[in-house]
């Protein structure tokens, strides 16, 4: 499974109402560290399919979502569980560091 494109239109249903935890990657196409994170995020989406939902927010296209989350640096990852923020990490990271955000929640 690949990651889900999150927008202002589907954020509520896909994230806030999700029955499973949701990892959100705030990114932009011009961001070098974001490009480095993309394979990590895609691998996590595939490996944890059914236990974790992975969504992508392009900050250039969905600035309102980024602003609501106070995102001022990318890549930034947010973890939601039961409609609330359960974790956050800014900057490029290794897969095991990203997994540490949600490991105890799935």
C-alpha atoms as a PDB file:
ATOM      1  CA  UNK A   1       0.000   0.000   0.000  1.00  0.00           C
ATOM      2  CA  UNK A   2       1.224   3.468  -0.767  1.00  0.00           C
ATOM      3  CA  UNK A   3       0.657   6.535   1.311  1.00  0.00           C
ATOM      4  CA  UNK A   4      -2.530   8.564   1.127  1.00  0.00           C
ATOM      5  CA  UNK A   5      -2.581  12.150  -0.146  1.00  0.00           C
ATOM      6  CA  UNK A   6      -4.160  14.235   2.602  1.00  0.00           C
ATOM      7  CA  UNK A   7      -6.069  17.413   1.816  1.00  0.00           C
ATOM      8  CA  UNK A   8      -8.296  19.833   3.695  1.00  0.00           C
ATOM      9  CA  UNK A   9     -11.244  17.899   2.255  1.00  0.00           C
ATOM     10  CA  UNK A  10     -10.279  14.443   3.556  1.00  0.00           C
ATOM     11  CA  UNK A  11      -8.202  15.233   6.656  1.00  0.00           C
ATOM     12  CA  UNK A  12     -11.089  14.877   9.089  1.00  0.00           C
ATOM     13  CA  UNK A  13     -12.305  11.534   7.754  1.00  0.00           C
ATOM     14  CA  UNK A  14      -8.898   9.988   7.025  1.00  0.00           C
ATOM     15  CA  UNK A  15      -7.027  11.209  10.130  1.00  0.00           C
ATOM     16  CA  UNK A  16      -9.301  12.392  12.910  1.00  0.00           C
ATOM     17  CA  UNK A  17     -11.819   9.569  12.451  1.00  0.00           C
ATOM     18  CA  UNK A  18      -9.311   6.827  11.654  1.00  0.00           C
ATOM     19  CA  UNK A  19      -9.706   3.651  13.720  1.00  0.00           C
ATOM     20  CA  UNK A  20      -5.948   3.018  13.447  1.00  0.00           C
ATOM     21  CA  UNK A  21      -2.983   5.357  14.112  1.00  0.00           C
ATOM     22  CA  UNK A  22      -2.049   7.735  11.293  1.00  0.00           C
ATOM     23  CA  UNK A  23       1.488   8.853  10.463  1.00  0.00           C
ATOM     24  CA  UNK A  24       1.516  12.127   8.515  1.00  0.00           C
ATOM     25  CA  UNK A  25       4.509  13.323   6.516  1.00  0.00           C
ATOM     26  CA  UNK A  26       4.524  17.082   5.855  1.00  0.00           C
ATOM     27  CA  UNK A  27       6.727  17.599   2.786  1.00  0.00           C
ATOM     28  CA  UNK A  28       7.311  19.615  -0.396  1.00  0.00           C
ATOM     29  CA  UNK A  29       8.646  18.524  -3.808  1.00  0.00           C
ATOM     30  CA  UNK A  30      11.578  20.983  -3.650  1.00  0.00           C
ATOM     31  CA  UNK A  31      12.769  19.736  -0.226  1.00  0.00           C
ATOM     32  CA  UNK A  32      15.911  17.567  -0.378  1.00  0.00           C
ATOM     33  CA  UNK A  33      15.492  15.945   3.059  1.00  0.00           C
ATOM     34  CA  UNK A  34      11.838  15.244   2.167  1.00  0.00           C
ATOM     35  CA  UNK A  35      13.016  13.330  -0.915  1.00  0.00           C
ATOM     36  CA  UNK A  36      15.325  11.291   1.342  1.00  0.00           C
ATOM     37  CA  UNK A  37      12.399  10.467   3.647  1.00  0.00           C
ATOM     38  CA  UNK A  38       9.989   9.408   0.906  1.00  0.00           C
ATOM     39  CA  UNK A  39      11.330   5.824   0.521  1.00  0.00           C
ATOM     40  CA  UNK A  40      11.323   5.393   4.318  1.00  0.00           C
ATOM     41  CA  UNK A  41       7.732   6.587   4.590  1.00  0.00           C
ATOM     42  CA  UNK A  42       6.620   4.424   1.662  1.00  0.00           C
ATOM     43  CA  UNK A  43       8.322   1.360   3.174  1.00  0.00           C
ATOM     44  CA  UNK A  44       6.571   1.972   6.494  1.00  0.00           C
ATOM     45  CA  UNK A  45       3.230   2.373   4.683  1.00  0.00           C
ATOM     46  CA  UNK A  46       3.758  -1.006   3.041  1.00  0.00           C
ATOM     47  CA  UNK A  47       5.087  -2.889   6.071  1.00  0.00           C
ATOM     48  CA  UNK A  48       2.450  -1.640   8.508  1.00  0.00           C
ATOM     49  CA  UNK A  49      -0.519  -1.746   6.120  1.00  0.00           C
ATOM     50  CA  UNK A  50      -3.696  -2.418   8.100  1.00  0.00           C
ATOM     51  CA  UNK A  51      -2.113  -1.423  11.422  1.00  0.00           C
ATOM     52  CA  UNK A  52      -0.972   2.103  10.530  1.00  0.00           C
ATOM     53  CA  UNK A  53      -2.262   4.577   7.963  1.00  0.00           C
ATOM     54  CA  UNK A  54       0.341   6.801   6.308  1.00  0.00           C
ATOM     55  CA  UNK A  55      -0.605  10.136   4.799  1.00  0.00           C
ATOM     56  CA  UNK A  56       1.296  12.844   2.953  1.00  0.00           C
ATOM     57  CA  UNK A  57       0.615  16.583   3.180  1.00  0.00           C
ATOM     58  CA  UNK A  58       2.235  18.720   0.493  1.00  0.00           C
ATOM     59  CA  UNK A  59       2.760  21.987   2.393  1.00  0.00           C
ATOM     60  CA  UNK A  60       2.723  24.026  -0.833  1.00  0.00           C
ATOM     61  CA  UNK A  61      -0.718  22.714  -1.791  1.00  0.00           C
ATOM     62  CA  UNK A  62      -2.223  22.273   1.689  1.00  0.00           C
ATOM     63  CA  UNK A  63      -0.817  25.238   3.578  1.00  0.00           C
ATOM     64  CA  UNK A  64      -3.836  25.444   5.881  1.00  0.00           C
ATOM     65  CA  UNK A  65      -3.154  21.974   7.303  1.00  0.00           C
ATOM     66  CA  UNK A  66       0.535  22.799   7.788  1.00  0.00           C
ATOM     67  CA  UNK A  67      -0.390  26.081   9.474  1.00  0.00           C
ATOM     68  CA  UNK A  68      -2.864  24.355  11.825  1.00  0.00           C
ATOM     69  CA  UNK A  69      -0.044  22.039  12.911  1.00  0.00           C
ATOM     70  CA  UNK A  70       2.526  24.814  13.305  1.00  0.00           C
ATOM     71  CA  UNK A  71       4.803  23.244  10.702  1.00  0.00           C
ATOM     72  CA  UNK A  72       7.669  25.642  10.027  1.00  0.00           C
ATOM     73  CA  UNK A  73      10.302  23.125   8.929  1.00  0.00           C
ATOM     74  CA  UNK A  74      10.029  20.078   6.699  1.00  0.00           C
ATOM     75  CA  UNK A  75      10.049  17.178   6.672  1.00  0.00           C
ATOM     76  CA  UNK A  76       7.905  16.982   9.781  1.00  0.00           C
ATOM     77  CA  UNK A  77       6.083  13.849  10.885  1.00  0.00           C
ATOM     78  CA  UNK A  78       2.996  13.823  13.088  1.00  0.00           C
ATOM     79  CA  UNK A  79       1.419  10.747  14.585  1.00  0.00           C
ATOM     80  CA  UNK A  80      -2.298  10.736  15.333  1.00  0.00           C
ATOM     81  CA  UNK A  81      -4.095   8.169  17.463  1.00  0.00           C
ATOM     82  CA  UNK A  82      -7.803   8.333  18.273  1.00  0.00           C
ATOM     83  CA  UNK A  83      -8.084  11.749  16.622  1.00  0.00           C
ATOM     84  CA  UNK A  84      -5.345  13.385  18.712  1.00  0.00           C
ATOM     85  CA  UNK A  85      -1.664  14.082  18.174  1.00  0.00           C
ATOM     86  CA  UNK A  86       0.361  11.323  19.831  1.00  0.00           C
ATOM     87  CA  UNK A  87       3.846  12.207  18.572  1.00  0.00           C
ATOM     88  CA  UNK A  88       5.921  14.463  16.364  1.00  0.00           C
ATOM     89  CA  UNK A  89       9.367  14.521  14.753  1.00  0.00           C
ATOM     90  CA  UNK A  90      11.052  17.139  12.563  1.00  0.00           C
ATOM     91  CA  UNK A  91      13.865  16.478  10.115  1.00  0.00           C
ATOM     92  CA  UNK A  92      15.062  13.496   8.141  1.00  0.00           C
ATOM     93  CA  UNK A  93      15.287  10.302  10.169  1.00  0.00           C
ATOM     94  CA  UNK A  94      16.201   6.641   9.873  1.00  0.00           C
ATOM     95  CA  UNK A  95      13.390   4.130   9.601  1.00  0.00           C
ATOM     96  CA  UNK A  96      13.871   2.830  13.157  1.00  0.00           C
ATOM     97  CA  UNK A  97      13.592   6.394  14.512  1.00  0.00           C
ATOM     98  CA  UNK A  98      10.302   6.898  12.680  1.00  0.00           C
ATOM     99  CA  UNK A  99       9.034   3.521  13.892  1.00  0.00           C
ATOM    100  CA  UNK A 100       9.776   4.614  17.463  1.00  0.00           C
ATOM    101  CA  UNK A 101       6.988   7.203  17.085  1.00  0.00           C
ATOM    102  CA  UNK A 102       4.300   4.551  16.718  1.00  0.00           C
ATOM    103  CA  UNK A 103       5.786   1.228  17.784  1.00  0.00           C
ATOM    104  CA  UNK A 104       4.035   1.166  21.170  1.00  0.00           C
ATOM    105  CA  UNK A 105       0.677   2.283  19.691  1.00  0.00           C
ATOM    106  CA  UNK A 106       0.011  -0.487  17.172  1.00  0.00           C
END
